[in-house]
Amino acid sequence: MNDSKKYCQLCKAKVDYVDYKNIKLIKPFTDRFGRIKARYYTGTCLQHQKKLANSIKNARFMDLMPFVR
């Protein structure tokens, strides 16, 4: 079993604001069906996971990302 700890990529890049218009940043945090990936898959911290979820929802509402594929 691999016990390597995942670290938050956004903390490492020192991202403090996750913009919903930055699709290249938030696209890898969704799966192929358009659902938001869980924290234990992506390794993001709680603060960035909440910011990501809100940004993805805003991007969907603004029609920058699809709700379902």
PDB file of N, CA and C in Angstrom:
ATOM      1  N   MET A   1       0.839  -1.178   0.000  1.00  0.00           N
ATOM      2  CA  MET A   1       0.000   0.000   0.000  1.00  0.00           C
ATOM      3  C   MET A   1       0.883   1.239   0.000  1.00  0.00           C
ATOM      4  N   ASN A   2       0.520   2.201  -0.809  1.00  0.00           N
ATOM      5  CA  ASN A   2       1.301   3.423  -0.943  1.00  0.00           C
ATOM      6  C   ASN A   2       0.809   4.453   0.074  1.00  0.00           C
ATOM      7  N   ASP A   3       1.650   4.787   1.040  1.00  0.00           N
ATOM      8  CA  ASP A   3       1.265   5.726   2.081  1.00  0.00           C
ATOM      9  C   ASP A   3       1.823   7.123   1.832  1.00  0.00           C
ATOM     10  N   SER A   4       2.139   7.444   0.586  1.00  0.00           N
ATOM     11  CA  SER A   4       2.685   8.774   0.306  1.00  0.00           C
ATOM     12  C   SER A   4       1.586   9.819   0.463  1.00  0.00           C
ATOM     13  N   LYS A   5       1.923  10.878   1.167  1.00  0.00           N
ATOM     14  CA  LYS A   5       0.957  11.939   1.440  1.00  0.00           C
ATOM     15  C   LYS A   5       0.878  12.873   0.250  1.00  0.00           C
ATOM     16  N   LYS A   6      -0.355  13.211  -0.117  1.00  0.00           N
ATOM     17  CA  LYS A   6      -0.550  14.168  -1.196  1.00  0.00           C
ATOM     18  C   LYS A   6      -0.544  15.566  -0.600  1.00  0.00           C
ATOM     19  N   TYR A   7       0.062  16.491  -1.297  1.00  0.00           N
ATOM     20  CA  TYR A   7       0.111  17.869  -0.836  1.00  0.00           C
ATOM     21  C   TYR A   7      -0.734  18.737  -1.755  1.00  0.00           C
ATOM     22  N   CYS A   8      -1.242  19.800  -1.199  1.00  0.00           N
ATOM     23  CA  CYS A   8      -2.099  20.717  -1.945  1.00  0.00           C
ATOM     24  C   CYS A   8      -1.268  21.428  -3.008  1.00  0.00           C
ATOM     25  N   GLN A   9      -1.647  21.242  -4.252  1.00  0.00           N
ATOM     26  CA  GLN A   9      -0.937  21.874  -5.360  1.00  0.00           C
ATOM     27  C   GLN A   9      -1.117  23.390  -5.329  1.00  0.00           C
ATOM     28  N   LEU A  10      -2.258  23.847  -4.839  1.00  0.00           N
ATOM     29  CA  LEU A  10      -2.534  25.282  -4.815  1.00  0.00           C
ATOM     30  C   LEU A  10      -1.760  25.978  -3.698  1.00  0.00           C
ATOM     31  N   CYS A  11      -1.548  25.293  -2.579  1.00  0.00           N
ATOM     32  CA  CYS A  11      -0.704  25.859  -1.516  1.00  0.00           C
ATOM     33  C   CYS A  11       0.747  25.937  -1.993  1.00  0.00           C
ATOM     34  N   LYS A  12       1.160  24.918  -2.705  1.00  0.00           N
ATOM     35  CA  LYS A  12       2.534  24.875  -3.201  1.00  0.00           C
ATOM     36  C   LYS A  12       2.789  26.000  -4.210  1.00  0.00           C
ATOM     37  N   ALA A  13       1.777  26.321  -5.024  1.00  0.00           N
ATOM     38  CA  ALA A  13       1.900  27.396  -6.006  1.00  0.00           C
ATOM     39  C   ALA A  13       1.549  28.759  -5.418  1.00  0.00           C
ATOM     40  N   LYS A  14       1.200  28.782  -4.125  1.00  0.00           N
ATOM     41  CA  LYS A  14       0.846  30.007  -3.412  1.00  0.00           C
ATOM     42  C   LYS A  14      -0.323  30.744  -4.076  1.00  0.00           C
ATOM     43  N   VAL A  15      -1.365  29.983  -4.408  1.00  0.00           N
ATOM     44  CA  VAL A  15      -2.576  30.554  -4.983  1.00  0.00           C
ATOM     45  C   VAL A  15      -3.504  30.938  -3.840  1.00  0.00           C
ATOM     46  N   ASP A  16      -3.862  32.222  -3.758  1.00  0.00           N
ATOM     47  CA  ASP A  16      -4.767  32.639  -2.686  1.00  0.00           C
ATOM     48  C   ASP A  16      -6.181  32.876  -3.198  1.00  0.00           C
ATOM     49  N   TYR A  17      -6.340  33.100  -4.508  1.00  0.00           N
ATOM     50  CA  TYR A  17      -7.666  33.307  -5.087  1.00  0.00           C
ATOM     51  C   TYR A  17      -7.813  32.402  -6.306  1.00  0.00           C
ATOM     52  N   VAL A  18      -8.853  31.590  -6.300  1.00  0.00           N
ATOM     53  CA  VAL A  18      -9.113  30.690  -7.415  1.00  0.00           C
ATOM     54  C   VAL A  18     -10.180  31.350  -8.282  1.00  0.00           C
ATOM     55  N   ASP A  19      -9.773  31.811  -9.457  1.00  0.00           N
ATOM     56  CA  ASP A  19     -10.671  32.546 -10.333  1.00  0.00           C
ATOM     57  C   ASP A  19     -11.487  31.578 -11.184  1.00  0.00           C
ATOM     58  N   TYR A  20     -12.782  31.829 -11.296  1.00  0.00           N
ATOM     59  CA  TYR A  20     -13.635  30.939 -12.076  1.00  0.00           C
ATOM     60  C   TYR A  20     -13.369  31.075 -13.568  1.00  0.00           C
ATOM     61  N   LYS A  21     -12.737  32.151 -13.999  1.00  0.00           N
ATOM     62  CA  LYS A  21     -12.430  32.347 -15.414  1.00  0.00           C
ATOM     63  C   LYS A  21     -11.164  31.610 -15.843  1.00  0.00           C
ATOM     64  N   ASN A  22     -10.385  31.145 -14.883  1.00  0.00           N
ATOM     65  CA  ASN A  22      -9.155  30.414 -15.181  1.00  0.00           C
ATOM     66  C   ASN A  22      -9.475  28.922 -15.311  1.00  0.00           C
ATOM     67  N   ILE A  23      -9.946  28.550 -16.488  1.00  0.00           N
ATOM     68  CA  ILE A  23     -10.401  27.184 -16.721  1.00  0.00           C
ATOM     69  C   ILE A  23      -9.241  26.198 -16.681  1.00  0.00           C
ATOM     70  N   LYS A  24      -8.054  26.625 -17.105  1.00  0.00           N
ATOM     71  CA  LYS A  24      -6.892  25.733 -17.091  1.00  0.00           C
ATOM     72  C   LYS A  24      -6.522  25.314 -15.676  1.00  0.00           C
ATOM     73  N   LEU A  25      -6.819  26.153 -14.703  1.00  0.00           N
ATOM     74  CA  LEU A  25      -6.515  25.829 -13.304  1.00  0.00           C
ATOM     75  C   LEU A  25      -7.557  24.887 -12.717  1.00  0.00           C
ATOM     76  N   ILE A  26      -8.835  25.125 -12.983  1.00  0.00           N
ATOM     77  CA  ILE A  26      -9.876  24.353 -12.307  1.00  0.00           C
ATOM     78  C   ILE A  26     -10.310  23.099 -13.074  1.00  0.00           C
ATOM     79  N   LYS A  27      -9.957  22.990 -14.342  1.00  0.00           N
ATOM     80  CA  LYS A  27     -10.363  21.821 -15.141  1.00  0.00           C
ATOM     81  C   LYS A  27      -9.808  20.499 -14.599  1.00  0.00           C
ATOM     82  N   PRO A  28      -8.534  20.414 -14.158  1.00  0.00           N
ATOM     83  CA  PRO A  28      -8.038  19.124 -13.648  1.00  0.00           C
ATOM     84  C   PRO A  28      -8.707  18.652 -12.356  1.00  0.00           C
ATOM     85  N   PHE A  29      -9.472  19.501 -11.713  1.00  0.00           N
ATOM     86  CA  PHE A  29     -10.128  19.120 -10.466  1.00  0.00           C
ATOM     87  C   PHE A  29     -11.544  18.599 -10.698  1.00  0.00           C
ATOM     88  N   THR A  30     -11.886  18.350 -11.960  1.00  0.00           N
ATOM     89  CA  THR A  30     -13.151  17.707 -12.289  1.00  0.00           C
ATOM     90  C   THR A  30     -12.850  16.400 -13.010  1.00  0.00           C
ATOM     91  N   ASP A  31     -13.753  15.444 -12.883  1.00  0.00           N
ATOM     92  CA  ASP A  31     -13.530  14.177 -13.576  1.00  0.00           C
ATOM     93  C   ASP A  31     -14.093  14.258 -14.990  1.00  0.00           C
ATOM     94  N   ARG A  32     -14.075  13.163 -15.692  1.00  0.00           N
ATOM     95  CA  ARG A  32     -14.477  13.189 -17.099  1.00  0.00           C
ATOM     96  C   ARG A  32     -15.980  13.388 -17.272  1.00  0.00           C
ATOM     97  N   PHE A  33     -16.742  13.233 -16.207  1.00  0.00           N
ATOM     98  CA  PHE A  33     -18.185  13.470 -16.266  1.00  0.00           C
ATOM     99  C   PHE A  33     -18.554  14.882 -15.822  1.00  0.00           C
ATOM    100  N   GLY A  34     -17.564  15.653 -15.394  1.00  0.00           N
ATOM    101  CA  GLY A  34     -17.823  17.032 -14.980  1.00  0.00           C
ATOM    102  C   GLY A  34     -18.057  17.200 -13.493  1.00  0.00           C
ATOM    103  N   ARG A  35     -17.942  16.131 -12.740  1.00  0.00           N
ATOM    104  CA  ARG A  35     -18.149  16.220 -11.296  1.00  0.00           C
ATOM    105  C   ARG A  35     -16.886  16.711 -10.605  1.00  0.00           C
ATOM    106  N   ILE A  36     -17.058  17.379  -9.482  1.00  0.00           N
ATOM    107  CA  ILE A  36     -15.918  17.884  -8.720  1.00  0.00           C
ATOM    108  C   ILE A  36     -15.271  16.712  -7.983  1.00  0.00           C
ATOM    109  N   LYS A  37     -13.951  16.584  -8.145  1.00  0.00           N
ATOM    110  CA  LYS A  37     -13.235  15.496  -7.481  1.00  0.00           C
ATOM    111  C   LYS A  37     -13.112  15.774  -5.982  1.00  0.00           C
ATOM    112  N   ALA A  38     -13.086  14.720  -5.213  1.00  0.00           N
ATOM    113  CA  ALA A  38     -12.992  14.827  -3.762  1.00  0.00           C
ATOM    114  C   ALA A  38     -11.573  15.191  -3.332  1.00  0.00           C
ATOM    115  N   ARG A  39     -11.444  15.651  -2.106  1.00  0.00           N
ATOM    116  CA  ARG A  39     -10.151  16.076  -1.562  1.00  0.00           C
ATOM    117  C   ARG A  39      -9.154  14.936  -1.499  1.00  0.00           C
ATOM    118  N   TYR A  40      -9.616  13.734  -1.185  1.00  0.00           N
ATOM    119  CA  TYR A  40      -8.670  12.627  -1.039  1.00  0.00           C
ATOM    120  C   TYR A  40      -8.145  12.142  -2.380  1.00  0.00           C
ATOM    121  N   TYR A  41      -8.776  12.513  -3.493  1.00  0.00           N
ATOM    122  CA  TYR A  41      -8.227  12.218  -4.813  1.00  0.00           C
ATOM    123  C   TYR A  41      -7.230  13.284  -5.251  1.00  0.00           C
ATOM    124  N   THR A  42      -7.564  14.553  -5.008  1.00  0.00           N
ATOM    125  CA  THR A  42      -6.741  15.640  -5.505  1.00  0.00           C
ATOM    126  C   THR A  42      -5.646  16.048  -4.541  1.00  0.00           C
ATOM    127  N   GLY A  43      -5.856  15.847  -3.239  1.00  0.00           N
ATOM    128  CA  GLY A  43      -4.861  16.218  -2.251  1.00  0.00           C
ATOM    129  C   GLY A  43      -4.933  17.673  -1.831  1.00  0.00           C
ATOM    130  N   THR A  44      -5.985  18.397  -2.230  1.00  0.00           N
ATOM    131  CA  THR A  44      -6.094  19.809  -1.853  1.00  0.00           C
ATOM    132  C   THR A  44      -6.492  19.950  -0.396  1.00  0.00           C
ATOM    133  N   CYS A  45      -6.129  21.082   0.182  1.00  0.00           N
ATOM    134  CA  CYS A  45      -6.506  21.359   1.567  1.00  0.00           C
ATOM    135  C   CYS A  45      -7.971  21.825   1.600  1.00  0.00           C
ATOM    136  N   LEU A  46      -8.527  21.939   2.780  1.00  0.00           N
ATOM    137  CA  LEU A  46      -9.935  22.271   2.928  1.00  0.00           C
ATOM    138  C   LEU A  46     -10.256  23.653   2.370  1.00  0.00           C
ATOM    139  N   GLN A  47      -9.412  24.630   2.645  1.00  0.00           N
ATOM    140  CA  GLN A  47      -9.662  25.996   2.194  1.00  0.00           C
ATOM    141  C   GLN A  47      -9.669  26.080   0.667  1.00  0.00           C
ATOM    142  N   HIS A  48      -8.697  25.441   0.027  1.00  0.00           N
ATOM    143  CA  HIS A  48      -8.648  25.488  -1.425  1.00  0.00           C
ATOM    144  C   HIS A  48      -9.741  24.622  -2.056  1.00  0.00           C
ATOM    145  N   GLN A  49     -10.142  23.555  -1.400  1.00  0.00           N
ATOM    146  CA  GLN A  49     -11.219  22.723  -1.936  1.00  0.00           C
ATOM    147  C   GLN A  49     -12.525  23.513  -1.963  1.00  0.00           C
ATOM    148  N   LYS A  50     -12.789  24.299  -0.924  1.00  0.00           N
ATOM    149  CA  LYS A  50     -13.994  25.130  -0.901  1.00  0.00           C
ATOM    150  C   LYS A  50     -13.938  26.198  -1.979  1.00  0.00           C
ATOM    151  N   LYS A  51     -12.769  26.820  -2.151  1.00  0.00           N
ATOM    152  CA  LYS A  51     -12.612  27.842  -3.188  1.00  0.00           C
ATOM    153  C   LYS A  51     -12.758  27.231  -4.578  1.00  0.00           C
ATOM    154  N   LEU A  52     -12.198  26.038  -4.772  1.00  0.00           N
ATOM    155  CA  LEU A  52     -12.325  25.345  -6.052  1.00  0.00           C
ATOM    156  C   LEU A  52     -13.777  25.002  -6.361  1.00  0.00           C
ATOM    157  N   ALA A  53     -14.487  24.492  -5.376  1.00  0.00           N
ATOM    158  CA  ALA A  53     -15.883  24.107  -5.585  1.00  0.00           C
ATOM    159  C   ALA A  53     -16.713  25.325  -5.980  1.00  0.00           C
ATOM    160  N   ASN A  54     -16.509  26.442  -5.299  1.00  0.00           N
ATOM    161  CA  ASN A  54     -17.257  27.654  -5.636  1.00  0.00           C
ATOM    162  C   ASN A  54     -16.878  28.161  -7.023  1.00  0.00           C
ATOM    163  N   SER A  55     -15.611  28.091  -7.379  1.00  0.00           N
ATOM    164  CA  SER A  55     -15.171  28.545  -8.694  1.00  0.00           C
ATOM    165  C   SER A  55     -15.731  27.658  -9.800  1.00  0.00           C
ATOM    166  N   ILE A  56     -15.755  26.363  -9.574  1.00  0.00           N
ATOM    167  CA  ILE A  56     -16.304  25.446 -10.574  1.00  0.00           C
ATOM    168  C   ILE A  56     -17.797  25.692 -10.747  1.00  0.00           C
ATOM    169  N   LYS A  57     -18.498  25.910  -9.647  1.00  0.00           N
ATOM    170  CA  LYS A  57     -19.934  26.188  -9.732  1.00  0.00           C
ATOM    171  C   LYS A  57     -20.205  27.501 -10.446  1.00  0.00           C
ATOM    172  N   ASN A  58     -19.386  28.523 -10.188  1.00  0.00           N
ATOM    173  CA  ASN A  58     -19.544  29.797 -10.881  1.00  0.00           C
ATOM    174  C   ASN A  58     -19.235  29.649 -12.367  1.00  0.00           C
ATOM    175  N   ALA A  59     -18.206  28.888 -12.703  1.00  0.00           N
ATOM    176  CA  ALA A  59     -17.853  28.668 -14.107  1.00  0.00           C
ATOM    177  C   ALA A  59     -18.963  27.913 -14.827  1.00  0.00           C
ATOM    178  N   ARG A  60     -19.611  26.988 -14.158  1.00  0.00           N
ATOM    179  CA  ARG A  60     -20.737  26.281 -14.763  1.00  0.00           C
ATOM    180  C   ARG A  60     -21.895  27.232 -15.003  1.00  0.00           C
ATOM    181  N   PHE A  61     -22.156  28.082 -14.027  1.00  0.00           N
ATOM    182  CA  PHE A  61     -23.272  29.013 -14.140  1.00  0.00           C
ATOM    183  C   PHE A  61     -23.029  30.027 -15.262  1.00  0.00           C
ATOM    184  N   MET A  62     -21.780  30.448 -15.441  1.00  0.00           N
ATOM    185  CA  MET A  62     -21.433  31.402 -16.492  1.00  0.00           C
ATOM    186  C   MET A  62     -21.221  30.717 -17.843  1.00  0.00           C
ATOM    187  N   ASP A  63     -21.471  29.421 -17.900  1.00  0.00           N
ATOM    188  CA  ASP A  63     -21.372  28.614 -19.116  1.00  0.00           C
ATOM    189  C   ASP A  63     -19.942  28.542 -19.645  1.00  0.00           C
ATOM    190  N   LEU A  64     -18.959  28.544 -18.753  1.00  0.00           N
ATOM    191  CA  LEU A  64     -17.562  28.336 -19.146  1.00  0.00           C
ATOM    192  C   LEU A  64     -17.187  26.867 -19.063  1.00  0.00           C
ATOM    193  N   MET A  65     -17.920  26.123 -18.208  1.00  0.00           N
ATOM    194  CA  MET A  65     -17.720  24.677 -18.066  1.00  0.00           C
ATOM    195  C   MET A  65     -19.075  24.000 -18.134  1.00  0.00           C
ATOM    196  N   PRO A  66     -19.127  22.774 -18.662  1.00  0.00           N
ATOM    197  CA  PRO A  66     -20.417  22.089 -18.705  1.00  0.00           C
ATOM    198  C   PRO A  66     -20.807  21.514 -17.349  1.00  0.00           C
ATOM    199  N   PHE A  67     -22.104  21.403 -17.121  1.00  0.00           N
ATOM    200  CA  PHE A  67     -22.589  20.752 -15.907  1.00  0.00           C
ATOM    201  C   PHE A  67     -22.360  19.252 -16.004  1.00  0.00           C
ATOM    202  N   VAL A  68     -22.676  18.669 -17.160  1.00  0.00           N
ATOM    203  CA  VAL A  68     -22.549  17.233 -17.395  1.00  0.00           C
ATOM    204  C   VAL A  68     -21.953  17.049 -18.777  1.00  0.00           C
ATOM    205  N   ARG A  69     -21.156  15.990 -18.948  1.00  0.00           N
ATOM    206  CA  ARG A  69     -20.606  15.709 -20.276  1.00  0.00           C
ATOM    207  C   ARG A  69     -21.372  14.646 -20.957  1.00  0.00           C
TER     208      ARG A  69
END
